[in-house]
Amino acid sequence: MAAENRRFDQAIQEFDAAHREDPRSILVDDQEVPWSLLYHQRMTHWVKHLAPDASEPLLLAARCQHIRRWTIPRSTYPMDRSGYKRWRRRLAQFHTEQAAEILGRIGYDQETIDRLGKLLQKIRLKLDPEVQLFEDAICLVFLENEFSDFAQKHDEEKLVTILQKTWKKMSSQGHQSARKLVKQLDPETRRLVEKALEGS
């Protein structure tokens, strides 16, 4: 068990080292923090909140979901819906490859690596409880930390549509956490969420 714990800790350290390479940063308490490092810390928080007894593959997935994403910019694919979907599919494969290389190098078995890949690629979303929980965590990070800035760049109609699509991705457990979370957010975000959920 001690060896397994050391291996898990090493995986987290290696993932975080990769996140620190991110050229993007965000200001937190007057200090610049690599965007990817903070994002994955937030993912870990929500996964643990939703599942205090989360499995090791799920915790690993939370810590490497977007690993080195900045190396494949959106601009490398056509700027249309088809290009966006191709970019997202490539990213899911890329993140799986990056994580698998790290886990294999430090001694993880293939079963764990394969399970991680299914989580990162969201295989059997809505059917696999862990994949669904992973998606719930992603949506909660978006609502809590990213939506407000996103809202400044788009009109209300698009924002309401995005919120409705986000809500449809989530489970009933995710909805419960989201409703509690939204009460703590800024008034404009609360208003938009309420509008998006009218009649639901």
Protein backbone atom coordinates (compact mmCIF):
# COMPACT_ATOMS: atom_id res chain seq x y z
CA MET A 1 0.00 0.00 0.00
CA ALA A 2 2.82 2.42 0.81
CA ALA A 3 4.40 1.75 -2.59
CA GLU A 4 1.05 2.37 -4.29
CA ASN A 5 0.64 5.66 -2.42
CA ARG A 6 4.13 6.75 -3.46
CA ARG A 7 3.34 5.90 -7.06
CA PHE A 8 0.12 7.92 -6.95
CA ASP A 9 1.93 10.87 -5.36
CA GLN A 10 4.60 10.67 -8.05
CA ALA A 11 1.95 10.69 -10.78
CA ILE A 12 0.35 13.82 -9.31
CA GLN A 13 3.76 15.49 -9.04
CA GLU A 14 4.55 14.70 -12.67
CA PHE A 15 1.18 15.92 -13.87
CA ASP A 16 1.61 19.15 -11.90
CA ALA A 17 5.11 19.61 -13.30
CA ALA A 18 3.61 19.45 -16.79
CA HIS A 19 0.91 21.96 -15.80
CA ARG A 20 3.59 24.40 -14.60
CA GLU A 21 4.91 24.53 -18.19
CA ASP A 22 1.69 26.21 -19.30
CA PRO A 23 2.54 29.65 -20.74
CA ARG A 24 -0.87 30.93 -19.64
CA SER A 25 -1.29 32.21 -16.11
CA ILE A 26 -3.99 33.54 -13.84
CA LEU A 27 -3.70 35.96 -10.94
CA VAL A 28 -4.60 34.46 -7.56
CA ASP A 29 -4.08 36.52 -4.40
CA ASP A 30 -1.69 38.79 -6.32
CA GLN A 31 0.39 35.84 -7.50
CA GLU A 32 0.56 34.43 -11.02
CA VAL A 33 -0.32 30.74 -11.16
CA PRO A 34 -0.11 28.57 -14.29
CA TRP A 35 -3.62 28.20 -15.68
CA SER A 36 -3.40 24.43 -16.05
CA LEU A 37 -2.14 23.91 -12.50
CA LEU A 38 -5.04 25.84 -11.00
CA TYR A 39 -7.60 24.23 -13.30
CA HIS A 40 -6.60 20.72 -12.30
CA GLN A 41 -6.52 21.60 -8.61
CA ARG A 42 -10.10 22.76 -9.04
CA MET A 43 -11.00 19.55 -10.84
CA THR A 44 -9.54 17.53 -7.97
CA HIS A 45 -11.58 19.57 -5.49
CA TRP A 46 -14.86 18.88 -7.25
CA VAL A 47 -14.20 15.19 -7.84
CA LYS A 48 -13.44 14.74 -4.14
CA HIS A 49 -16.51 16.79 -3.24
CA LEU A 50 -18.77 14.62 -5.39
CA ALA A 51 -17.05 11.36 -4.46
CA PRO A 52 -15.04 11.43 -1.21
CA ASP A 53 -14.08 7.80 -1.89
CA ALA A 54 -13.19 8.40 -5.55
CA SER A 55 -11.17 5.67 -7.24
CA GLU A 56 -7.51 6.18 -8.09
CA PRO A 57 -8.14 6.35 -11.88
CA LEU A 58 -10.79 9.02 -11.31
CA LEU A 59 -8.46 11.10 -9.14
CA LEU A 60 -5.72 10.73 -11.73
CA ALA A 61 -8.10 11.80 -14.50
CA ALA A 62 -9.07 14.90 -12.54
CA ARG A 63 -5.40 15.87 -12.37
CA CYS A 64 -4.57 15.43 -16.07
CA GLN A 65 -7.72 16.19 -18.05
CA HIS A 66 -6.13 19.01 -20.07
CA ILE A 67 -2.48 18.01 -19.78
CA ARG A 68 -0.36 20.11 -22.19
CA ARG A 69 -3.48 21.24 -24.05
CA TRP A 70 -1.76 24.49 -25.04
CA THR A 71 0.52 22.55 -27.40
CA ILE A 72 -2.40 21.93 -29.79
CA PRO A 73 -4.03 25.34 -30.26
CA ARG A 74 -7.60 25.64 -31.53
CA SER A 75 -6.20 27.55 -34.52
CA THR A 76 -4.53 24.38 -35.84
CA TYR A 77 -7.96 23.17 -37.00
CA PRO A 78 -10.56 24.90 -39.23
CA MET A 79 -12.53 27.52 -37.30
CA ASP A 80 -15.91 25.90 -37.86
CA ARG A 81 -18.02 23.36 -35.97
CA SER A 82 -16.48 20.41 -37.79
CA GLY A 83 -12.99 21.70 -37.05
CA TYR A 84 -13.90 22.22 -33.40
CA LYS A 85 -15.11 18.64 -33.05
CA ARG A 86 -11.98 17.29 -34.74
CA TRP A 87 -9.84 19.41 -32.40
CA ARG A 88 -11.66 18.13 -29.32
CA ARG A 89 -11.32 14.50 -30.44
CA ARG A 90 -7.61 14.96 -31.06
CA LEU A 91 -7.16 16.59 -27.66
CA ALA A 92 -8.86 13.70 -25.88
CA GLN A 93 -6.50 11.28 -27.61
CA PHE A 94 -3.50 13.51 -26.91
CA HIS A 95 -4.28 13.87 -23.21
CA THR A 96 -4.69 10.10 -22.96
CA GLU A 97 -1.33 9.55 -24.68
CA GLN A 98 0.45 12.08 -22.46
CA ALA A 99 -1.00 10.63 -19.26
CA ALA A 100 -0.36 7.04 -20.35
CA GLU A 101 3.32 7.81 -21.00
CA ILE A 102 3.74 9.22 -17.50
CA LEU A 103 1.82 6.45 -15.76
CA GLY A 104 3.60 3.70 -17.70
CA ARG A 105 7.00 5.17 -16.93
CA ILE A 106 6.38 5.19 -13.18
CA GLY A 107 5.01 1.66 -13.07
CA TYR A 108 1.24 1.75 -13.40
CA ASP A 109 -0.44 -1.34 -14.82
CA GLN A 110 -2.18 -1.31 -18.20
CA GLU A 111 -5.62 -1.80 -16.64
CA THR A 112 -5.33 1.49 -14.74
CA ILE A 113 -3.96 3.27 -17.80
CA ASP A 114 -6.81 1.97 -19.95
CA ARG A 115 -9.37 3.02 -17.35
CA LEU A 116 -7.87 6.49 -17.22
CA GLY A 117 -8.17 6.73 -21.01
CA LYS A 118 -11.87 5.86 -20.88
CA LEU A 119 -12.43 8.60 -18.33
CA LEU A 120 -10.48 11.22 -20.25
CA GLN A 121 -12.28 10.36 -23.49
CA LYS A 122 -15.64 10.19 -21.67
CA ILE A 123 -16.46 6.77 -23.07
CA ARG A 124 -20.00 5.67 -22.12
CA LEU A 125 -20.97 9.05 -20.70
CA LYS A 126 -24.39 8.80 -18.97
CA LEU A 127 -23.89 5.03 -18.64
CA ASP A 128 -20.65 4.79 -16.67
CA PRO A 129 -21.13 6.41 -13.22
CA GLU A 130 -17.48 7.48 -12.92
CA VAL A 131 -17.41 9.01 -16.38
CA GLN A 132 -20.59 10.89 -15.51
CA LEU A 133 -19.14 12.11 -12.23
CA PHE A 134 -16.05 13.29 -14.11
CA GLU A 135 -18.29 15.25 -16.47
CA ASP A 136 -20.18 16.74 -13.52
CA ALA A 137 -16.89 17.98 -12.06
CA ILE A 138 -15.92 19.55 -15.39
CA CYS A 139 -19.25 21.39 -15.57
CA LEU A 140 -18.98 22.60 -11.96
CA VAL A 141 -15.49 24.01 -12.57
CA PHE A 142 -16.88 25.82 -15.62
CA LEU A 143 -19.78 27.30 -13.68
CA GLU A 144 -17.72 28.31 -10.66
CA ASN A 145 -14.57 29.64 -12.31
CA GLU A 146 -14.99 30.19 -16.04
CA PHE A 147 -18.53 31.19 -16.85
CA SER A 148 -18.30 34.78 -15.60
CA ASP A 149 -15.40 35.63 -17.94
CA PHE A 150 -17.03 33.65 -20.75
CA ALA A 151 -20.22 35.68 -20.28
CA GLN A 152 -18.42 38.94 -21.03
CA LYS A 153 -17.65 37.76 -24.57
CA HIS A 154 -21.07 36.51 -25.69
CA ASP A 155 -24.66 37.70 -25.92
CA GLU A 156 -27.36 36.55 -23.54
CA GLU A 157 -29.05 34.19 -26.00
CA LYS A 158 -25.85 32.23 -26.54
CA LEU A 159 -25.08 32.16 -22.82
CA VAL A 160 -28.50 30.74 -21.99
CA THR A 161 -28.04 28.06 -24.67
CA ILE A 162 -24.60 27.16 -23.29
CA LEU A 163 -25.99 26.87 -19.77
CA GLN A 164 -28.84 24.65 -20.97
CA LYS A 165 -26.38 22.36 -22.78
CA THR A 166 -24.15 22.26 -19.71
CA TRP A 167 -27.12 21.31 -17.54
CA LYS A 168 -28.07 18.45 -19.87
CA LYS A 169 -24.58 16.96 -19.53
CA MET A 170 -24.93 16.68 -15.76
CA SER A 171 -26.45 14.05 -13.49
CA SER A 172 -29.01 14.70 -10.76
CA GLN A 173 -26.14 14.74 -8.25
CA GLY A 174 -24.36 17.30 -10.38
CA HIS A 175 -27.53 19.39 -10.57
CA GLN A 176 -27.82 19.43 -6.77
CA SER A 177 -24.24 20.65 -6.38
CA ALA A 178 -24.70 23.19 -9.17
CA ARG A 179 -27.82 24.67 -7.58
CA LYS A 180 -25.99 25.13 -4.28
CA LEU A 181 -22.98 26.60 -6.07
CA VAL A 182 -24.98 29.07 -8.14
CA LYS A 183 -26.43 30.63 -4.97
CA GLN A 184 -22.88 31.71 -4.10
CA LEU A 185 -22.05 33.24 -7.48
CA ASP A 186 -22.52 36.79 -8.75
CA PRO A 187 -26.09 38.06 -9.32
CA GLU A 188 -25.77 38.15 -13.13
CA THR A 189 -24.66 34.53 -13.32
CA ARG A 190 -27.52 33.52 -11.02
CA ARG A 191 -29.99 35.39 -13.24
CA LEU A 192 -28.71 33.70 -16.40
CA VAL A 193 -28.81 30.25 -14.82
CA GLU A 194 -32.37 30.84 -13.59
CA LYS A 195 -33.39 31.92 -17.08
CA ALA A 196 -31.71 28.90 -18.65
CA LEU A 197 -33.50 26.54 -16.27
CA GLU A 198 -36.99 28.05 -16.58
CA GLY A 199 -39.43 25.21 -16.93
CA SER A 200 -36.88 22.50 -16.21
